[in-house]
Protein backbone atom coordinates (compact mmCIF):
# COMPACT_ATOMS: atom_id res chain seq x y z
CA MET A 1 -216.30 -119.79 -160.31
CA THR A 2 -213.75 -118.98 -163.07
CA LEU A 3 -212.38 -115.90 -162.82
CA VAL A 4 -212.06 -114.26 -166.71
CA TYR A 5 -212.00 -110.74 -167.36
CA PRO A 6 -214.13 -109.90 -170.64
CA VAL A 7 -212.68 -107.71 -174.07
CA GLN A 8 -214.33 -104.73 -172.98
CA SER A 9 -211.16 -104.35 -170.69
CA LEU A 10 -208.56 -105.93 -172.43
CA ALA A 11 -206.89 -102.43 -173.57
CA ALA A 12 -206.82 -101.89 -169.75
CA HIS A 13 -204.10 -105.31 -169.48
CA PRO A 14 -200.17 -105.72 -169.94
CA PRO A 15 -199.67 -106.23 -173.98
CA ARG A 16 -198.20 -109.83 -174.31
CA LEU A 17 -195.47 -108.00 -176.09
CA SER A 18 -194.16 -104.63 -174.58
CA PRO A 19 -191.27 -104.09 -175.86
CA ALA A 20 -189.10 -101.51 -173.79
CA TYR A 21 -189.95 -105.20 -171.33
CA LYS A 22 -186.69 -106.56 -173.60
CA SER A 23 -188.53 -110.42 -172.21
CA THR A 24 -191.65 -110.46 -174.05
CA VAL A 25 -190.73 -109.83 -176.94
CA LYS A 26 -188.85 -113.18 -176.87
CA ARG A 27 -191.65 -114.56 -175.25
CA SER A 28 -194.52 -112.96 -176.32
CA PRO A 29 -196.64 -116.04 -179.28
CA SER A 30 -194.79 -114.71 -182.73
CA LYS A 31 -198.54 -116.85 -184.64
CA PRO A 32 -202.01 -115.79 -183.34
CA LEU A 33 -203.16 -117.72 -181.13
CA ILE A 34 -205.70 -121.15 -181.17
CA PRO A 35 -208.50 -120.90 -179.01
CA MET A 36 -208.22 -124.64 -176.83
CA ARG A 37 -212.78 -125.19 -175.84
CA HIS A 38 -211.45 -125.56 -171.78
CA THR A 39 -213.24 -129.46 -170.73
CA LEU A 40 -214.74 -130.42 -168.29
CA SER A 41 -212.13 -131.55 -165.85
CA GLU A 42 -210.46 -128.61 -166.07
CA LEU A 43 -213.98 -126.33 -166.03
CA THR A 44 -215.17 -128.66 -162.51
CA GLY A 45 -211.22 -129.91 -160.47
CA PRO A 46 -209.19 -129.79 -158.95
CA VAL A 47 -209.78 -127.44 -156.56
CA TYR A 48 -205.98 -126.05 -156.31
CA GLY A 49 -205.05 -125.47 -152.94
CA HIS A 50 -207.32 -123.90 -150.76
CA GLU A 51 -208.07 -126.98 -148.47
CA THR A 52 -204.09 -126.76 -147.91
CA VAL A 53 -204.23 -122.99 -146.40
CA ARG A 54 -202.82 -123.32 -142.93
CA GLU A 55 -203.73 -120.86 -139.67
CA ASN A 56 -200.87 -118.44 -140.23
CA ASP A 57 -200.14 -118.28 -143.86
CA HIS A 58 -200.76 -114.87 -144.19
CA ASP A 59 -198.65 -114.05 -141.91
CA LEU A 60 -195.60 -113.55 -143.53
CA THR A 61 -193.00 -112.04 -140.37
CA VAL A 62 -193.39 -115.72 -138.40
CA HIS A 63 -192.16 -118.78 -140.75
CA GLY A 64 -188.79 -118.33 -139.33
CA LYS A 65 -187.31 -119.03 -136.27
CA GLY A 66 -187.22 -114.89 -135.13
CA GLU A 67 -188.94 -111.33 -136.66
CA PRO A 68 -187.48 -110.96 -140.38
CA ILE A 69 -185.77 -107.74 -140.82
CA GLY A 70 -187.74 -105.30 -142.76
CA GLU A 71 -190.61 -102.32 -142.17
CA ARG A 72 -194.09 -104.38 -141.36
CA ILE A 73 -196.85 -104.28 -142.57
CA ILE A 74 -200.41 -105.17 -143.09
CA VAL A 75 -201.70 -105.19 -146.93
CA HIS A 76 -205.28 -105.93 -147.26
CA GLY A 77 -208.55 -105.39 -148.95
CA HIS A 78 -211.64 -107.68 -150.73
CA VAL A 79 -211.19 -109.90 -154.26
CA LEU A 80 -213.90 -108.28 -155.76
CA ASP A 81 -216.62 -108.18 -159.53
CA GLU A 82 -217.37 -106.01 -162.05
CA ASP A 83 -220.02 -104.63 -159.82
CA GLY A 84 -217.82 -103.83 -157.31
CA ARG A 85 -219.63 -107.37 -154.68
CA GLY A 86 -217.63 -109.64 -152.94
CA ILE A 87 -215.36 -113.40 -154.31
CA PRO A 88 -216.11 -115.22 -151.68
CA ASN A 89 -213.72 -117.76 -150.62
CA ALA A 90 -210.80 -117.26 -153.50
CA LEU A 91 -207.18 -118.22 -152.96
CA VAL A 92 -204.77 -115.30 -152.57
CA GLU A 93 -201.18 -115.94 -152.69
CA LEU A 94 -198.29 -112.96 -152.24
CA TRP A 95 -194.58 -113.42 -152.91
CA GLN A 96 -192.32 -110.68 -153.21
CA ALA A 97 -188.66 -109.69 -152.64
CA ASN A 98 -187.21 -109.00 -148.79
CA SER A 99 -186.70 -105.80 -147.16
CA CYS A 100 -182.81 -105.94 -149.44
CA GLY A 101 -184.49 -106.46 -152.47
CA ARG A 102 -184.56 -110.33 -152.86
CA TYR A 103 -185.92 -113.93 -153.38
CA VAL A 104 -184.98 -116.84 -152.19
CA HIS A 105 -184.63 -118.04 -155.42
CA VAL A 106 -181.40 -118.94 -157.06
CA VAL A 107 -181.60 -117.00 -159.78
CA ASP A 108 -181.35 -114.51 -157.96
CA GLN A 109 -177.76 -113.85 -157.18
CA HIS A 110 -177.66 -109.92 -156.74
CA PRO A 111 -176.15 -108.92 -153.63
CA ALA A 112 -177.67 -108.39 -151.52
CA PRO A 113 -178.10 -110.63 -148.69
CA LEU A 114 -180.73 -113.15 -148.09
CA ASP A 115 -183.54 -113.00 -144.85
CA PRO A 116 -183.67 -116.82 -143.50
CA ASN A 117 -186.58 -115.04 -140.95
CA PHE A 118 -188.27 -114.28 -144.83
CA THR A 119 -189.30 -116.93 -147.26
CA GLY A 120 -191.10 -114.35 -149.09
CA ALA A 121 -194.81 -115.33 -149.93
CA GLY A 122 -197.54 -115.93 -148.51
CA ARG A 123 -201.18 -117.24 -149.00
CA THR A 124 -205.08 -117.05 -147.26
CA GLN A 125 -208.62 -116.94 -148.37
CA SER A 126 -210.93 -114.63 -149.15
CA ASP A 127 -213.65 -114.18 -146.34
CA ALA A 128 -217.37 -114.59 -146.76
CA GLN A 129 -217.70 -110.78 -148.53
CA GLY A 130 -214.69 -111.41 -150.74
CA TYR A 131 -211.65 -109.86 -148.01
CA TYR A 132 -207.96 -110.80 -147.67
CA ARG A 133 -205.74 -109.72 -145.02
CA PHE A 134 -201.27 -110.53 -145.27
CA ILE A 135 -198.72 -109.25 -143.14
CA THR A 136 -195.55 -108.57 -144.50
CA ILE A 137 -192.19 -106.98 -144.81
CA LYS A 138 -192.71 -103.73 -147.22
CA PRO A 139 -190.19 -104.68 -149.95
CA GLY A 140 -187.23 -103.18 -151.17
CA ALA A 141 -186.30 -102.29 -154.58
CA TYR A 142 -184.01 -104.17 -156.69
CA PRO A 143 -182.01 -104.00 -160.36
CA TRP A 144 -182.60 -106.43 -163.15
CA GLY A 145 -181.00 -106.23 -166.17
CA ASN A 146 -183.58 -105.06 -168.70
CA HIS A 147 -181.62 -101.69 -169.51
CA HIS A 148 -178.27 -100.07 -168.58
CA ASN A 149 -179.76 -99.65 -164.58
CA ALA A 150 -183.00 -101.13 -164.17
CA TRP A 151 -184.08 -101.53 -161.20
CA ARG A 152 -187.38 -102.46 -159.83
CA PRO A 153 -190.16 -99.89 -158.24
CA ALA A 154 -191.25 -101.77 -155.00
CA HIS A 155 -193.79 -105.23 -155.24
CA ILE A 156 -195.70 -107.16 -154.13
CA HIS A 157 -196.97 -110.40 -156.55
CA PHE A 158 -200.28 -111.66 -156.25
CA SER A 159 -202.22 -115.30 -157.56
CA VAL A 160 -205.95 -114.77 -157.75
CA PHE A 161 -207.59 -118.39 -157.63
CA GLY A 162 -210.59 -119.98 -158.22
CA HIS A 163 -212.13 -123.10 -158.16
CA SER A 164 -210.65 -123.94 -160.65
CA PHE A 165 -206.97 -124.74 -162.29
CA VAL A 166 -207.61 -123.11 -164.81
CA SER A 167 -208.95 -119.20 -163.05
CA ARG A 168 -205.79 -118.28 -162.06
CA LEU A 169 -204.77 -114.12 -162.53
CA VAL A 170 -202.24 -113.15 -161.63
CA THR A 171 -201.27 -109.04 -161.08
CA GLN A 172 -198.48 -106.91 -159.06
CA MET A 173 -199.42 -104.31 -156.21
CA TYR A 174 -197.26 -100.68 -156.12
CA PHE A 175 -196.46 -99.18 -152.91
CA PRO A 176 -197.74 -94.70 -153.11
CA GLY A 177 -195.27 -92.07 -153.79
CA ASP A 178 -192.21 -94.61 -155.67
CA PRO A 179 -189.36 -91.92 -157.79
CA LEU A 180 -189.00 -95.53 -160.09
CA PHE A 181 -192.70 -95.05 -161.76
CA PRO A 182 -192.04 -93.67 -164.66
CA PHE A 183 -189.01 -95.56 -165.12
CA ASP A 184 -190.28 -99.49 -165.42
CA PRO A 185 -190.86 -100.75 -168.42
CA ILE A 186 -193.50 -102.96 -166.81
CA PHE A 187 -195.47 -100.79 -164.75
CA ASN A 188 -195.98 -98.93 -168.09
CA SER A 189 -196.53 -101.72 -170.08
CA VAL A 190 -199.86 -100.84 -168.48
CA THR A 191 -200.81 -98.28 -171.57
CA ASP A 192 -204.19 -97.25 -169.81
CA GLU A 193 -203.05 -94.41 -166.72
CA LYS A 194 -206.10 -95.38 -164.67
CA ALA A 195 -205.99 -98.62 -165.31
CA ARG A 196 -202.30 -98.92 -164.38
CA ASN A 197 -202.91 -96.16 -161.93
CA ARG A 198 -205.75 -99.12 -160.52
CA MET A 199 -202.55 -101.04 -159.06
CA ILE A 200 -200.81 -98.75 -156.47
CA SER A 201 -201.61 -99.44 -152.89
CA ALA A 202 -203.30 -96.48 -150.89
CA PHE A 203 -202.12 -95.89 -147.60
CA ASP A 204 -204.31 -97.39 -145.30
CA MET A 205 -203.58 -94.88 -141.55
CA GLU A 206 -206.95 -96.44 -139.87
CA ASN A 207 -205.56 -100.13 -140.07
CA THR A 208 -201.89 -98.73 -139.83
CA LYS A 209 -201.56 -100.46 -135.40
CA PRO A 210 -200.15 -97.70 -133.58
CA ASP A 211 -196.62 -98.58 -132.78
CA TRP A 212 -196.72 -102.01 -135.00
CA ALA A 213 -197.33 -101.28 -138.84
CA LEU A 214 -198.00 -99.33 -141.39
CA CYS A 215 -200.98 -100.79 -143.41
CA TYR A 216 -202.20 -100.32 -147.29
CA ARG A 217 -204.70 -101.14 -149.02
CA PHE A 218 -205.12 -103.32 -152.04
CA ASN A 219 -209.17 -104.21 -153.67
CA ILE A 220 -208.25 -106.49 -156.77
CA VAL A 221 -211.49 -105.71 -159.51
CA LEU A 222 -211.26 -109.46 -161.69
CA ARG A 223 -213.71 -107.24 -164.57
CA GLY A 224 -214.74 -105.10 -165.54
CA GLN A 225 -214.22 -100.90 -166.66
CA SER A 226 -212.05 -101.32 -163.06
CA ALA A 227 -210.79 -104.34 -163.45
CA THR A 228 -207.41 -104.45 -161.95
CA PRO A 229 -204.09 -105.70 -164.66
CA MET A 230 -203.05 -108.28 -165.04
CA GLU A 231 -200.74 -109.63 -166.48
CA ASN A 232 -200.77 -112.22 -169.59
CA SER A 233 -198.33 -113.63 -170.40
């Protein structure tokens, strides 16, 4: 399985250069890209991490010595192809800030507390129908220095791997009704409104667990006219 999106869907994905998102100015290519054919080794291996998924890797709330701080949530959905068919055995990884908007990373030094019981990273494998499920903590917004008073909306990063090294797609999941949407150049770098809205999860009352956790559904469509926007850079 190689996770690629076709030419007709590229307009729905964020461009490599988006001037309002300042770091893309420095990192986007200044010359035309040179296509390179994938070699047999790139297309056939290695299997990138599927065999190392552990039983509780999908539950980010049990990796510490106690309960993490914040609102427990369930995030689930399906990894789908352009015809709505589930993609089985996809490696789905996520990473995120904690409930205070802080990442466990040396670069993140903004004045918000770290949570010793929350690493902000998890992984799982989709089942035979393409279904995946995570238990985590709802992330907080955080400042990021792109422009005056710049804040990122609450979001979760998703990575989807197929069974070869080059078959990785990365996207971000947002939460419905976030007031920071109009002010975020990363979210708005996807200029197609319908495509942009496909990055927003749906509140899922039916699968909310009473007295325990709210639930959000986020389907990841890999290609086609309804593809979830994926990062190009």
